[in-house]
């Protein structure tokens, strides 16, 4: 059977796995809010996804 490349990075899969493992704690702490995760850490939180994206973008250089 041929392998199909879906273009999904290992980093993305790792992040999804981390969120899945910590979803209970994340839900308790950030209920009703959007959360951005990078390198197994919450890096931005907000009530609107646009504010989370803006915060993440403004701090992107600190993620490296």
Protein backbone atom coordinates (compact mmCIF):
# COMPACT_ATOMS: atom_id res chain seq x y z
CA UNK A 1 0.00 0.00 0.00
CA UNK A 2 1.38 3.45 -0.93
CA UNK A 3 1.98 6.06 1.75
CA UNK A 4 0.11 9.33 1.43
CA UNK A 5 1.80 12.54 2.54
CA UNK A 6 -0.80 14.85 4.06
CA UNK A 7 1.71 17.62 4.69
CA UNK A 8 1.19 17.52 8.46
CA UNK A 9 4.37 18.23 10.40
CA UNK A 10 5.54 16.13 13.33
CA UNK A 11 5.53 19.33 15.41
CA UNK A 12 1.82 19.82 14.73
CA UNK A 13 1.06 16.20 15.62
CA UNK A 14 3.11 16.61 18.81
CA UNK A 15 1.17 19.74 19.75
CA UNK A 16 -2.16 18.00 19.20
CA UNK A 17 -0.98 15.10 21.35
CA UNK A 18 0.13 17.48 24.13
CA UNK A 19 -3.20 19.32 24.07
CA UNK A 20 -5.06 16.01 24.16
CA UNK A 21 -3.04 14.88 27.20
CA UNK A 22 -3.62 18.17 29.03
CA UNK A 23 -7.13 19.05 27.87
CA UNK A 24 -8.66 18.63 31.33
CA UNK A 25 -6.26 21.11 32.93
CA UNK A 26 -6.45 23.45 29.95
CA UNK A 27 -10.24 23.41 30.08
CA UNK A 28 -10.29 24.18 33.81
CA UNK A 29 -7.79 27.01 33.54
CA UNK A 30 -8.90 28.57 30.24
CA UNK A 31 -12.59 27.67 29.97
CA UNK A 32 -14.34 29.74 27.33
CA UNK A 33 -11.10 31.15 25.91
CA UNK A 34 -8.91 30.53 22.88
CA UNK A 35 -5.45 29.14 23.59
CA UNK A 36 -2.31 29.10 21.44
CA UNK A 37 0.21 26.35 22.19
CA UNK A 38 3.85 26.24 21.09
CA UNK A 39 6.48 23.74 22.16
CA UNK A 40 4.14 22.18 24.73
CA UNK A 41 3.44 25.54 26.38
CA UNK A 42 0.49 27.92 26.36
CA UNK A 43 1.85 31.06 24.68
CA UNK A 44 -1.31 33.15 24.26
CA UNK A 45 -4.82 33.22 25.69
CA UNK A 46 -7.83 35.39 24.90
CA UNK A 47 -11.58 35.62 24.57
CA UNK A 48 -11.29 36.25 20.82
CA UNK A 49 -9.21 34.22 18.42
CA UNK A 50 -8.05 37.44 16.76
CA UNK A 51 -6.49 38.68 20.01
CA UNK A 52 -4.75 35.33 20.53
CA UNK A 53 -3.36 35.42 17.00
CA UNK A 54 -2.19 39.02 17.45
CA UNK A 55 -0.48 38.20 20.76
CA UNK A 56 1.13 35.11 19.29
CA UNK A 57 2.40 37.06 16.27
CA UNK A 58 3.78 39.87 18.44
CA UNK A 59 5.72 37.39 20.57
CA UNK A 60 6.71 34.97 17.82
CA UNK A 61 10.41 35.79 18.05
CA UNK A 62 10.49 34.61 21.67
CA UNK A 63 9.27 31.13 20.64
CA UNK A 64 12.54 30.17 18.94
